[in-house]
Amino acid sequence: MTSLAEHELTTRPARSTKAQWSVLVIIACAQLM
């Protein structure tokens, strides 16, 4: 089976910690609803 790591787009560059927190903002807003 395909792992979560393999699910990522291979064409995307490595993301910074700042991008991690951007993801957190989005999913936190979804949870807030």
PDB file of all heavy atoms in Angstrom:
ATOM      1  N   MET A   1       0.831  -1.200   0.000  1.00  0.00           N
ATOM      2  CA  MET A   1       0.000   0.000   0.000  1.00  0.00           C
ATOM      3  C   MET A   1       0.870   1.257   0.000  1.00  0.00           C
ATOM      4  O   MET A   1       1.990   1.261   0.476  1.00  0.00           O
ATOM      5  CB  MET A   1      -0.909   0.016   1.237  1.00  0.00           C
ATOM      6  CG  MET A   1      -1.969  -1.051   1.200  1.00  0.00           C
ATOM      7  SD  MET A   1      -3.101  -0.866   2.605  1.00  0.00           S
ATOM      8  CE  MET A   1      -4.164  -2.263   2.297  1.00  0.00           C
ATOM      9  N   THR A   2       0.324   2.289  -0.501  1.00  0.00           N
ATOM     10  CA  THR A   2       1.048   3.545  -0.574  1.00  0.00           C
ATOM     11  C   THR A   2       1.067   4.217   0.785  1.00  0.00           C
ATOM     12  O   THR A   2       0.068   4.303   1.457  1.00  0.00           O
ATOM     13  CB  THR A   2       0.373   4.506  -1.576  1.00  0.00           C
ATOM     14  OG1 THR A   2       0.236   3.828  -2.807  1.00  0.00           O
ATOM     15  CG2 THR A   2       1.204   5.753  -1.759  1.00  0.00           C
ATOM     16  N   SER A   3       2.241   4.713   1.201  1.00  0.00           N
ATOM     17  CA  SER A   3       2.343   5.395   2.488  1.00  0.00           C
ATOM     18  C   SER A   3       1.956   6.845   2.343  1.00  0.00           C
ATOM     19  O   SER A   3       1.865   7.382   1.246  1.00  0.00           O
ATOM     20  CB  SER A   3       3.783   5.301   3.020  1.00  0.00           C
ATOM     21  OG  SER A   3       4.643   6.072   2.206  1.00  0.00           O
ATOM     22  N   LEU A   4       1.757   7.512   3.488  1.00  0.00           N
ATOM     23  CA  LEU A   4       1.401   8.931   3.453  1.00  0.00           C
ATOM     24  C   LEU A   4       2.520   9.756   2.841  1.00  0.00           C
ATOM     25  O   LEU A   4       2.274  10.769   2.211  1.00  0.00           O
ATOM     26  CB  LEU A   4       1.095   9.425   4.863  1.00  0.00           C
ATOM     27  CG  LEU A   4      -0.249   8.998   5.439  1.00  0.00           C
ATOM     28  CD1 LEU A   4      -0.380   9.498   6.865  1.00  0.00           C
ATOM     29  CD2 LEU A   4      -1.377   9.527   4.591  1.00  0.00           C
ATOM     30  N   ALA A   5       3.760   9.339   3.064  1.00  0.00           N
ATOM     31  CA  ALA A   5       4.866  10.084   2.474  1.00  0.00           C
ATOM     32  C   ALA A   5       4.794  10.063   0.953  1.00  0.00           C
ATOM     33  O   ALA A   5       5.107  11.041   0.279  1.00  0.00           O
ATOM     34  CB  ALA A   5       6.196   9.498   2.949  1.00  0.00           C
ATOM     35  N   GLU A   6       4.362   8.922   0.408  1.00  0.00           N
ATOM     36  CA  GLU A   6       4.262   8.797  -1.038  1.00  0.00           C
ATOM     37  C   GLU A   6       3.065   9.531  -1.595  1.00  0.00           C
ATOM     38  O   GLU A   6       2.965   9.738  -2.790  1.00  0.00           O
ATOM     39  CB  GLU A   6       4.187   7.317  -1.401  1.00  0.00           C
ATOM     40  CG  GLU A   6       5.477   6.578  -1.070  1.00  0.00           C
ATOM     41  CD  GLU A   6       5.302   5.070  -1.216  1.00  0.00           C
ATOM     42  OE1 GLU A   6       4.160   4.593  -1.105  1.00  0.00           O
ATOM     43  OE2 GLU A   6       6.312   4.395  -1.439  1.00  0.00           O
ATOM     44  N   HIS A   7       2.146   9.941  -0.724  1.00  0.00           N
ATOM     45  CA  HIS A   7       0.966  10.674  -1.178  1.00  0.00           C
ATOM     46  C   HIS A   7       1.303  12.105  -1.563  1.00  0.00           C
ATOM     47  O   HIS A   7       0.564  12.757  -2.257  1.00  0.00           O
ATOM     48  CB  HIS A   7      -0.085  10.707  -0.060  1.00  0.00           C
ATOM     49  CG  HIS A   7      -0.726   9.379   0.159  1.00  0.00           C
ATOM     50  ND1 HIS A   7      -1.457   9.092   1.281  1.00  0.00           N
ATOM     51  CD2 HIS A   7      -0.732   8.254  -0.595  1.00  0.00           C
ATOM     52  CE1 HIS A   7      -1.896   7.851   1.210  1.00  0.00           C
ATOM     53  NE2 HIS A   7      -1.467   7.333   0.083  1.00  0.00           N
ATOM     54  N   GLU A   8       2.406  12.639  -1.044  1.00  0.00           N
ATOM     55  CA  GLU A   8       2.726  14.035  -1.295  1.00  0.00           C
ATOM     56  C   GLU A   8       3.130  14.255  -2.755  1.00  0.00           C
ATOM     57  O   GLU A   8       3.648  13.374  -3.429  1.00  0.00           O
ATOM     58  CB  GLU A   8       3.873  14.489  -0.399  1.00  0.00           C
ATOM     59  CG  GLU A   8       3.533  14.458   1.067  1.00  0.00           C
ATOM     60  CD  GLU A   8       4.653  15.048   1.886  1.00  0.00           C
ATOM     61  OE1 GLU A   8       4.785  16.269   1.891  1.00  0.00           O
ATOM     62  OE2 GLU A   8       5.412  14.279   2.476  1.00  0.00           O
ATOM     63  N   LEU A   9       2.918  15.434  -3.227  1.00  0.00           N
ATOM     64  CA  LEU A   9       3.379  15.766  -4.567  1.00  0.00           C
ATOM     65  C   LEU A   9       4.888  15.807  -4.592  1.00  0.00           C
ATOM     66  O   LEU A   9       5.520  16.541  -3.842  1.00  0.00           O
ATOM     67  CB  LEU A   9       2.833  17.143  -4.978  1.00  0.00           C
ATOM     68  CG  LEU A   9       1.336  17.202  -5.280  1.00  0.00           C
ATOM     69  CD1 LEU A   9       0.955  18.617  -5.633  1.00  0.00           C
ATOM     70  CD2 LEU A   9       0.974  16.256  -6.391  1.00  0.00           C
ATOM     71  N   THR A  10       5.487  15.011  -5.447  1.00  0.00           N
ATOM     72  CA  THR A  10       6.939  14.960  -5.496  1.00  0.00           C
ATOM     73  C   THR A  10       7.529  16.206  -6.129  1.00  0.00           C
ATOM     74  O   THR A  10       8.706  16.484  -5.994  1.00  0.00           O
ATOM     75  CB  THR A  10       7.375  13.725  -6.313  1.00  0.00           C
ATOM     76  OG1 THR A  10       6.757  13.788  -7.609  1.00  0.00           O
ATOM     77  CG2 THR A  10       6.895  12.447  -5.627  1.00  0.00           C
ATOM     78  N   THR A  11       6.718  16.975  -6.821  1.00  0.00           N
ATOM     79  CA  THR A  11       7.219  18.177  -7.478  1.00  0.00           C
ATOM     80  C   THR A  11       7.288  19.377  -6.541  1.00  0.00           C
ATOM     81  O   THR A  11       7.848  20.401  -6.884  1.00  0.00           O
ATOM     82  CB  THR A  11       6.311  18.550  -8.659  1.00  0.00           C
ATOM     83  OG1 THR A  11       4.978  18.720  -8.175  1.00  0.00           O
ATOM     84  CG2 THR A  11       6.312  17.444  -9.699  1.00  0.00           C
ATOM     85  N   ARG A  12       6.717  19.262  -5.323  1.00  0.00           N
ATOM     86  CA  ARG A  12       6.744  20.389  -4.410  1.00  0.00           C
ATOM     87  C   ARG A  12       8.103  20.474  -3.728  1.00  0.00           C
ATOM     88  O   ARG A  12       8.671  19.466  -3.329  1.00  0.00           O
ATOM     89  CB  ARG A  12       5.647  20.247  -3.342  1.00  0.00           C
ATOM     90  CG  ARG A  12       4.256  20.465  -3.885  1.00  0.00           C
ATOM     91  CD  ARG A  12       3.250  20.348  -2.748  1.00  0.00           C
ATOM     92  NE  ARG A  12       1.894  20.534  -3.243  1.00  0.00           N
ATOM     93  CZ  ARG A  12       1.250  21.688  -3.243  1.00  0.00           C
ATOM     94  NH1 ARG A  12       1.838  22.759  -2.774  1.00  0.00           N
ATOM     95  NH2 ARG A  12       0.017  21.780  -3.714  1.00  0.00           N
ATOM     96  N   PRO A  13       8.632  21.674  -3.539  1.00  0.00           N
ATOM     97  CA  PRO A  13       9.874  21.816  -2.810  1.00  0.00           C
ATOM     98  C   PRO A  13       9.655  21.545  -1.330  1.00  0.00           C
ATOM     99  O   PRO A  13       8.544  21.555  -0.834  1.00  0.00           O
ATOM    100  CB  PRO A  13      10.244  23.291  -3.037  1.00  0.00           C
ATOM    101  CG  PRO A  13       8.932  23.961  -3.262  1.00  0.00           C
ATOM    102  CD  PRO A  13       8.085  22.966  -3.974  1.00  0.00           C
ATOM    103  N   ALA A  14      10.759  21.310  -0.612  1.00  0.00           N
ATOM    104  CA  ALA A  14      10.662  21.111   0.829  1.00  0.00           C
ATOM    105  C   ALA A  14      10.084  22.361   1.470  1.00  0.00           C
ATOM    106  O   ALA A  14      10.463  23.474   1.155  1.00  0.00           O
ATOM    107  CB  ALA A  14      12.054  20.815   1.400  1.00  0.00           C
ATOM    108  N   ARG A  15       9.172  22.125   2.400  1.00  0.00           N
ATOM    109  CA  ARG A  15       8.477  23.245   3.014  1.00  0.00           C
ATOM    110  C   ARG A  15       9.124  23.591   4.339  1.00  0.00           C
ATOM    111  O   ARG A  15       9.662  22.761   5.037  1.00  0.00           O
ATOM    112  CB  ARG A  15       6.994  22.903   3.202  1.00  0.00           C
ATOM    113  CG  ARG A  15       6.248  22.858   1.886  1.00  0.00           C
ATOM    114  CD  ARG A  15       4.829  22.354   2.104  1.00  0.00           C
ATOM    115  NE  ARG A  15       4.086  22.431   0.851  1.00  0.00           N
ATOM    116  CZ  ARG A  15       3.249  23.408   0.553  1.00  0.00           C
ATOM    117  NH1 ARG A  15       3.046  24.394   1.379  1.00  0.00           N
ATOM    118  NH2 ARG A  15       2.610  23.408  -0.596  1.00  0.00           N
ATOM    119  N   SER A  16       9.009  24.831   4.702  1.00  0.00           N
ATOM    120  CA  SER A  16       9.612  25.328   5.922  1.00  0.00           C
ATOM    121  C   SER A  16       8.649  25.139   7.083  1.00  0.00           C
ATOM    122  O   SER A  16       7.501  24.776   6.933  1.00  0.00           O
ATOM    123  CB  SER A  16       9.947  26.803   5.762  1.00  0.00           C
ATOM    124  OG  SER A  16       8.752  27.537   5.570  1.00  0.00           O
ATOM    125  N   THR A  17       9.162  25.421   8.281  1.00  0.00           N
ATOM    126  CA  THR A  17       8.319  25.372   9.457  1.00  0.00           C
ATOM    127  C   THR A  17       7.183  26.369   9.348  1.00  0.00           C
ATOM    128  O   THR A  17       6.077  26.126   9.830  1.00  0.00           O
ATOM    129  CB  THR A  17       9.170  25.656  10.709  1.00  0.00           C
ATOM    130  OG1 THR A  17      10.221  24.700  10.793  1.00  0.00           O
ATOM    131  CG2 THR A  17       8.321  25.575  11.963  1.00  0.00           C
ATOM    132  N   LYS A  18       7.423  27.511   8.697  1.00  0.00           N
ATOM    133  CA  LYS A  18       6.368  28.502   8.493  1.00  0.00           C
ATOM    134  C   LYS A  18       5.204  27.885   7.725  1.00  0.00           C
ATOM    135  O   LYS A  18       4.032  28.154   8.032  1.00  0.00           O
ATOM    136  CB  LYS A  18       6.922  29.704   7.737  1.00  0.00           C
ATOM    137  CG  LYS A  18       5.894  30.806   7.504  1.00  0.00           C
ATOM    138  CD  LYS A  18       6.526  31.986   6.786  1.00  0.00           C
ATOM    139  CE  LYS A  18       5.470  33.079   6.532  1.00  0.00           C
ATOM    140  NZ  LYS A  18       6.067  34.241   5.815  1.00  0.00           N
ATOM    141  N   ALA A  19       5.495  27.057   6.736  1.00  0.00           N
ATOM    142  CA  ALA A  19       4.431  26.406   5.970  1.00  0.00           C
ATOM    143  C   ALA A  19       3.669  25.414   6.840  1.00  0.00           C
ATOM    144  O   ALA A  19       2.463  25.233   6.680  1.00  0.00           O
ATOM    145  CB  ALA A  19       5.021  25.693   4.750  1.00  0.00           C
ATOM    146  N   GLN A  20       4.373  24.765   7.770  1.00  0.00           N
ATOM    147  CA  GLN A  20       3.688  23.859   8.688  1.00  0.00           C
ATOM    148  C   GLN A  20       2.627  24.616   9.491  1.00  0.00           C
ATOM    149  O   GLN A  20       1.491  24.140   9.656  1.00  0.00           O
ATOM    150  CB  GLN A  20       4.678  23.220   9.657  1.00  0.00           C
ATOM    151  CG  GLN A  20       5.592  22.171   9.021  1.00  0.00           C
ATOM    152  CD  GLN A  20       6.571  21.630  10.030  1.00  0.00           C
ATOM    153  OE1 GLN A  20       7.343  22.372  10.619  1.00  0.00           O
ATOM    154  NE2 GLN A  20       6.531  20.327  10.240  1.00  0.00           N
ATOM    155  N   TRP A  21       2.971  25.783   9.962  1.00  0.00           N
ATOM    156  CA  TRP A  21       2.026  26.554  10.777  1.00  0.00           C
ATOM    157  C   TRP A  21       0.915  27.147   9.918  1.00  0.00           C
ATOM    158  O   TRP A  21      -0.187  27.403  10.422  1.00  0.00           O
ATOM    159  CB  TRP A  21       2.770  27.631  11.556  1.00  0.00           C
ATOM    160  CG  TRP A  21       3.685  27.008  12.566  1.00  0.00           C
ATOM    161  CD1 TRP A  21       5.039  26.888  12.473  1.00  0.00           C
ATOM    162  CD2 TRP A  21       3.315  26.360  13.786  1.00  0.00           C
ATOM    163  NE1 TRP A  21       5.533  26.211  13.558  1.00  0.00           N
ATOM    164  CE2 TRP A  21       4.500  25.875  14.392  1.00  0.00           C
ATOM    165  CE3 TRP A  21       2.094  26.143  14.431  1.00  0.00           C
ATOM    166  CZ2 TRP A  21       4.494  25.189  15.593  1.00  0.00           C
ATOM    167  CZ3 TRP A  21       2.096  25.464  15.640  1.00  0.00           C
ATOM    168  CH2 TRP A  21       3.284  24.999  16.209  1.00  0.00           C
ATOM    169  N   SER A  22       1.173  27.338   8.643  1.00  0.00           N
ATOM    170  CA  SER A  22       0.088  27.756   7.747  1.00  0.00           C
ATOM    171  C   SER A  22      -0.955  26.654   7.614  1.00  0.00           C
ATOM    172  O   SER A  22      -2.159  26.913   7.600  1.00  0.00           O
ATOM    173  CB  SER A  22       0.653  28.104   6.362  1.00  0.00           C
ATOM    174  OG  SER A  22       1.536  29.209   6.430  1.00  0.00           O
ATOM    175  N   VAL A  23      -0.476  25.409   7.527  1.00  0.00           N
ATOM    176  CA  VAL A  23      -1.397  24.276   7.496  1.00  0.00           C
ATOM    177  C   VAL A  23      -2.198  24.223   8.788  1.00  0.00           C
ATOM    178  O   VAL A  23      -3.415  23.985   8.782  1.00  0.00           O
ATOM    179  CB  VAL A  23      -0.617  22.955   7.284  1.00  0.00           C
ATOM    180  CG1 VAL A  23      -1.541  21.754   7.464  1.00  0.00           C
ATOM    181  CG2 VAL A  23       0.026  22.934   5.907  1.00  0.00           C
ATOM    182  N   LEU A  24      -1.535  24.481   9.912  1.00  0.00           N
ATOM    183  CA  LEU A  24      -2.229  24.444  11.195  1.00  0.00           C
ATOM    184  C   LEU A  24      -3.353  25.470  11.252  1.00  0.00           C
ATOM    185  O   LEU A  24      -4.439  25.192  11.779  1.00  0.00           O
ATOM    186  CB  LEU A  24      -1.232  24.692  12.334  1.00  0.00           C
ATOM    187  CG  LEU A  24      -1.842  24.723  13.738  1.00  0.00           C
ATOM    188  CD1 LEU A  24      -2.498  23.394  14.077  1.00  0.00           C
ATOM    189  CD2 LEU A  24      -0.784  25.082  14.774  1.00  0.00           C
ATOM    190  N   VAL A  25      -3.119  26.661  10.726  1.00  0.00           N
ATOM    191  CA  VAL A  25      -4.163  27.692  10.734  1.00  0.00           C
ATOM    192  C   VAL A  25      -5.392  27.214   9.976  1.00  0.00           C
ATOM    193  O   VAL A  25      -6.532  27.392  10.431  1.00  0.00           O
ATOM    194  CB  VAL A  25      -3.619  29.001  10.125  1.00  0.00           C
ATOM    195  CG1 VAL A  25      -4.763  30.001   9.900  1.00  0.00           C
ATOM    196  CG2 VAL A  25      -2.567  29.619  11.029  1.00  0.00           C
ATOM    197  N   ILE A  26      -5.176  26.595   8.839  1.00  0.00           N
ATOM    198  CA  ILE A  26      -6.293  26.147   8.005  1.00  0.00           C
ATOM    199  C   ILE A  26      -7.090  25.052   8.696  1.00  0.00           C
ATOM    200  O   ILE A  26      -8.324  25.103   8.791  1.00  0.00           O
ATOM    201  CB  ILE A  26      -5.774  25.662   6.634  1.00  0.00           C
ATOM    202  CG1 ILE A  26      -5.070  26.814   5.891  1.00  0.00           C
ATOM    203  CG2 ILE A  26      -6.931  25.117   5.801  1.00  0.00           C
ATOM    204  CD1 ILE A  26      -5.902  28.054   5.735  1.00  0.00           C
ATOM    205  N   ILE A  27      -6.406  24.033   9.197  1.00  0.00           N
ATOM    206  CA  ILE A  27      -7.131  22.929   9.806  1.00  0.00           C
ATOM    207  C   ILE A  27      -7.723  23.340  11.162  1.00  0.00           C
ATOM    208  O   ILE A  27      -8.742  22.791  11.587  1.00  0.00           O
ATOM    209  CB  ILE A  27      -6.240  21.671   9.946  1.00  0.00           C
ATOM    210  CG1 ILE A  27      -5.014  21.932  10.814  1.00  0.00           C
ATOM    211  CG2 ILE A  27      -5.840  21.165   8.583  1.00  0.00           C
ATOM    212  CD1 ILE A  27      -4.121  20.695  10.981  1.00  0.00           C
ATOM    213  N   ALA A  28      -7.105  24.325  11.826  1.00  0.00           N
ATOM    214  CA  ALA A  28      -7.683  24.828  13.071  1.00  0.00           C
ATOM    215  C   ALA A  28      -9.004  25.547  12.804  1.00  0.00           C
ATOM    216  O   ALA A  28      -9.957  25.421  13.580  1.00  0.00           O
ATOM    217  CB  ALA A  28      -6.700  25.775  13.769  1.00  0.00           C
ATOM    218  N   CYS A  29      -9.070  26.295  11.709  1.00  0.00           N
ATOM    219  CA  CYS A  29     -10.323  26.959  11.344  1.00  0.00           C
ATOM    220  C   CYS A  29     -11.411  25.935  11.028  1.00  0.00           C
ATOM    221  O   CYS A  29     -12.583  26.124  11.383  1.00  0.00           O
ATOM    222  CB  CYS A  29     -10.100  27.889  10.156  1.00  0.00           C
ATOM    223  SG  CYS A  29      -9.156  29.380  10.538  1.00  0.00           S
ATOM    224  N   ALA A  30     -11.026  24.846  10.356  1.00  0.00           N
ATOM    225  CA  ALA A  30     -11.997  23.786  10.054  1.00  0.00           C
ATOM    226  C   ALA A  30     -12.513  23.157  11.350  1.00  0.00           C
ATOM    227  O   ALA A  30     -13.719  22.925  11.509  1.00  0.00           O
ATOM    228  CB  ALA A  30     -11.354  22.721   9.162  1.00  0.00           C
ATOM    229  N   GLN A  31     -11.604  22.891  12.283  1.00  0.00           N
ATOM    230  CA  GLN A  31     -12.017  22.317  13.559  1.00  0.00           C
ATOM    231  C   GLN A  31     -12.884  23.290  14.341  1.00  0.00           C
ATOM    232  O   GLN A  31     -13.825  22.885  15.037  1.00  0.00           O
ATOM    233  CB  GLN A  31     -10.776  21.934  14.380  1.00  0.00           C
ATOM    234  CG  GLN A  31     -11.071  21.388  15.766  1.00  0.00           C
ATOM    235  CD  GLN A  31     -11.781  20.050  15.726  1.00  0.00           C
ATOM    236  OE1 GLN A  31     -11.858  19.401  14.681  1.00  0.00           O
ATOM    237  NE2 GLN A  31     -12.292  19.624  16.867  1.00  0.00           N
ATOM    238  N   LEU A  32     -12.595  24.575  14.226  1.00  0.00           N
ATOM    239  CA  LEU A  32     -13.375  25.584  14.945  1.00  0.00           C
ATOM    240  C   LEU A  32     -14.845  25.544  14.534  1.00  0.00           C
ATOM    241  O   LEU A  32     -15.740  25.691  15.370  1.00  0.00           O
ATOM    242  CB  LEU A  32     -12.791  26.971  14.696  1.00  0.00           C
ATOM    243  CG  LEU A  32     -13.495  28.139  15.386  1.00  0.00           C
ATOM    244  CD1 LEU A  32     -13.434  27.975  16.899  1.00  0.00           C
ATOM    245  CD2 LEU A  32     -12.882  29.466  14.962  1.00  0.00           C
ATOM    246  N   MET A  33     -15.110  25.360  13.239  1.00  0.00           N
ATOM    247  CA  MET A  33     -16.503  25.275  12.788  1.00  0.00           C
ATOM    248  C   MET A  33     -17.235  24.144  13.496  1.00  0.00           C
ATOM    249  O   MET A  33     -18.373  24.313  13.963  1.00  0.00           O
ATOM    250  CB  MET A  33     -16.567  25.040  11.271  1.00  0.00           C
ATOM    251  CG  MET A  33     -16.238  26.232  10.417  1.00  0.00           C
ATOM    252  SD  MET A  33     -16.801  25.980   8.707  1.00  0.00           S
ATOM    253  CE  MET A  33     -16.068  24.417   8.305  1.00  0.00           C
TER     254      MET A  33
END
